[in-house]
């Protein structure tokens, strides 16, 4: 059962490392352990070379 699906993003690996070193991460890890929570991680790379023909399909 999926209760909530969030999407977080960071600019670079250094930003992820800072996030992982934050005091909040220990709280999150403790809650994951307490409630046997699991997560899925997917990595995406930004592509700023989108062709103009594809831009017509994007609403900003």
N, C-alpha and C. Protein backbone atom coordinates (compact mmCIF):
# COMPACT_ATOMS: atom_id res chain seq x y z
N UNK A 1 0.83 -1.16 0.00
CA UNK A 1 0.00 0.00 0.00
C UNK A 1 0.89 1.24 0.00
N UNK A 2 0.60 2.18 -0.88
CA UNK A 2 1.33 3.45 -0.94
C UNK A 2 0.47 4.51 -0.27
N UNK A 3 1.00 5.10 0.78
CA UNK A 3 0.25 6.13 1.49
C UNK A 3 0.47 7.50 0.88
N UNK A 4 1.68 7.77 0.48
CA UNK A 4 2.00 9.07 -0.06
C UNK A 4 3.18 8.93 -0.99
N UNK A 5 3.16 9.68 -2.06
CA UNK A 5 4.27 9.65 -3.00
C UNK A 5 4.77 11.08 -3.17
N UNK A 6 5.97 11.34 -2.69
CA UNK A 6 6.56 12.66 -2.79
C UNK A 6 7.72 12.63 -3.77
N UNK A 7 7.97 13.77 -4.34
CA UNK A 7 9.11 13.91 -5.23
C UNK A 7 9.98 15.04 -4.70
N UNK A 8 11.18 14.70 -4.33
CA UNK A 8 12.15 15.70 -3.87
C UNK A 8 13.22 15.83 -4.94
N UNK A 9 13.80 17.01 -5.03
CA UNK A 9 14.88 17.18 -6.00
C UNK A 9 15.96 18.08 -5.41
N UNK A 10 17.19 17.84 -5.87
CA UNK A 10 18.34 18.61 -5.43
C UNK A 10 19.14 18.99 -6.66
N UNK A 11 19.87 20.08 -6.56
CA UNK A 11 20.66 20.59 -7.69
C UNK A 11 21.84 19.70 -8.05
N UNK A 12 22.48 19.11 -7.04
CA UNK A 12 23.70 18.35 -7.30
C UNK A 12 23.96 17.39 -6.14
N UNK A 13 24.99 16.57 -6.29
CA UNK A 13 25.31 15.58 -5.26
C UNK A 13 25.67 16.24 -3.94
N UNK A 14 26.36 17.38 -3.99
CA UNK A 14 26.72 18.09 -2.76
C UNK A 14 25.46 18.47 -1.97
N UNK A 15 24.42 18.91 -2.66
CA UNK A 15 23.16 19.27 -1.99
C UNK A 15 22.52 18.05 -1.34
N UNK A 16 22.60 16.91 -2.00
CA UNK A 16 22.06 15.67 -1.42
C UNK A 16 22.86 15.30 -0.17
N UNK A 17 24.18 15.43 -0.24
CA UNK A 17 25.03 15.10 0.90
C UNK A 17 24.71 15.99 2.10
N UNK A 18 24.48 17.28 1.87
CA UNK A 18 24.11 18.20 2.96
C UNK A 18 22.78 17.77 3.56
N UNK A 19 21.83 17.42 2.71
CA UNK A 19 20.52 16.95 3.18
C UNK A 19 20.68 15.69 4.04
N UNK A 20 21.48 14.76 3.58
CA UNK A 20 21.68 13.51 4.33
C UNK A 20 22.38 13.74 5.66
N UNK A 21 23.18 14.80 5.77
CA UNK A 21 23.91 15.11 7.00
C UNK A 21 23.07 15.94 7.99
N UNK A 22 21.88 16.33 7.59
CA UNK A 22 21.06 17.19 8.45
C UNK A 22 20.46 16.38 9.61
N UNK A 23 20.19 17.05 10.74
CA UNK A 23 19.58 16.37 11.89
C UNK A 23 18.22 15.74 11.54
N UNK A 24 17.51 16.34 10.60
CA UNK A 24 16.21 15.82 10.20
C UNK A 24 16.33 14.39 9.65
N UNK A 25 17.45 14.09 8.98
CA UNK A 25 17.61 12.75 8.40
C UNK A 25 17.60 11.67 9.47
N UNK A 26 18.19 11.93 10.63
CA UNK A 26 18.17 10.93 11.70
C UNK A 26 16.75 10.67 12.15
N UNK A 27 15.94 11.72 12.25
CA UNK A 27 14.53 11.56 12.61
C UNK A 27 13.80 10.73 11.57
N UNK A 28 14.05 11.02 10.31
CA UNK A 28 13.42 10.26 9.22
C UNK A 28 13.84 8.80 9.29
N UNK A 29 15.12 8.54 9.50
CA UNK A 29 15.59 7.15 9.58
C UNK A 29 14.99 6.42 10.78
N UNK A 30 14.86 7.12 11.90
CA UNK A 30 14.24 6.51 13.08
C UNK A 30 12.78 6.15 12.81
N UNK A 31 12.05 7.03 12.13
CA UNK A 31 10.65 6.75 11.81
C UNK A 31 10.52 5.60 10.82
N UNK A 32 11.43 5.55 9.84
CA UNK A 32 11.41 4.43 8.89
C UNK A 32 11.60 3.11 9.62
N UNK A 33 12.51 3.09 10.57
CA UNK A 33 12.77 1.87 11.34
C UNK A 33 11.56 1.53 12.22
N UNK A 34 11.04 2.51 12.92
CA UNK A 34 9.92 2.29 13.85
C UNK A 34 8.69 1.75 13.13
N UNK A 35 8.37 2.32 11.96
CA UNK A 35 7.15 1.94 11.25
C UNK A 35 7.41 1.04 10.05
N UNK A 36 8.63 0.54 9.90
CA UNK A 36 9.01 -0.35 8.80
C UNK A 36 8.65 0.26 7.44
N UNK A 37 9.01 1.52 7.27
CA UNK A 37 8.71 2.24 6.03
C UNK A 37 9.81 1.99 5.00
N UNK A 38 9.42 1.98 3.75
CA UNK A 38 10.35 1.75 2.65
C UNK A 38 10.19 2.86 1.63
N UNK A 39 11.21 3.03 0.80
CA UNK A 39 11.14 4.06 -0.22
C UNK A 39 11.81 3.57 -1.49
N UNK A 40 11.49 4.24 -2.57
CA UNK A 40 12.11 3.98 -3.85
C UNK A 40 12.81 5.26 -4.29
N UNK A 41 14.01 5.11 -4.80
CA UNK A 41 14.78 6.27 -5.26
C UNK A 41 15.02 6.13 -6.75
N UNK A 42 14.75 7.20 -7.47
CA UNK A 42 15.04 7.25 -8.90
C UNK A 42 15.85 8.51 -9.15
N UNK A 43 16.89 8.38 -9.96
CA UNK A 43 17.71 9.54 -10.30
C UNK A 43 17.44 9.95 -11.74
N UNK A 44 17.29 11.24 -11.91
CA UNK A 44 17.06 11.82 -13.23
C UNK A 44 18.12 12.88 -13.49
N UNK A 45 18.46 13.05 -14.74
CA UNK A 45 19.40 14.09 -15.14
C UNK A 45 18.65 15.11 -15.97
N UNK A 46 18.80 16.39 -15.62
CA UNK A 46 18.15 17.44 -16.39
C UNK A 46 18.75 17.51 -17.79
N UNK A 47 17.87 17.71 -18.76
CA UNK A 47 18.30 17.83 -20.15
C UNK A 47 17.83 19.19 -20.66
N UNK A 48 18.75 20.12 -20.78
CA UNK A 48 18.39 21.47 -21.19
C UNK A 48 18.43 21.64 -22.71
N UNK A 49 18.64 20.55 -23.42
CA UNK A 49 18.75 20.63 -24.87
C UNK A 49 17.46 20.20 -25.57
N UNK A 50 16.31 20.51 -24.96
CA UNK A 50 15.03 20.10 -25.53
C UNK A 50 14.80 20.79 -26.88
N UNK A 51 14.49 20.02 -27.91
CA UNK A 51 14.19 20.61 -29.22
C UNK A 51 12.93 21.48 -29.15
N UNK A 52 12.88 22.52 -29.98
CA UNK A 52 11.72 23.42 -30.01
C UNK A 52 10.43 22.66 -30.29
N UNK A 53 10.50 21.62 -31.13
CA UNK A 53 9.28 20.87 -31.47
C UNK A 53 8.68 20.18 -30.24
N UNK A 54 9.51 19.84 -29.25
CA UNK A 54 9.00 19.22 -28.02
C UNK A 54 8.44 20.25 -27.06
N UNK A 55 8.90 21.49 -27.15
CA UNK A 55 8.46 22.55 -26.22
C UNK A 55 6.96 22.81 -26.34
N UNK A 56 6.37 22.54 -27.49
CA UNK A 56 4.93 22.75 -27.67
C UNK A 56 4.09 21.87 -26.75
N UNK A 57 4.66 20.78 -26.25
CA UNK A 57 3.93 19.85 -25.41
C UNK A 57 4.09 20.13 -23.92
N UNK A 58 4.88 21.15 -23.58
CA UNK A 58 5.18 21.46 -22.18
C UNK A 58 4.44 22.72 -21.77
N UNK A 59 3.70 22.64 -20.68
CA UNK A 59 3.05 23.82 -20.11
C UNK A 59 3.86 24.23 -18.90
N UNK A 60 4.33 25.48 -18.91
CA UNK A 60 5.15 25.98 -17.79
C UNK A 60 4.34 26.89 -16.90
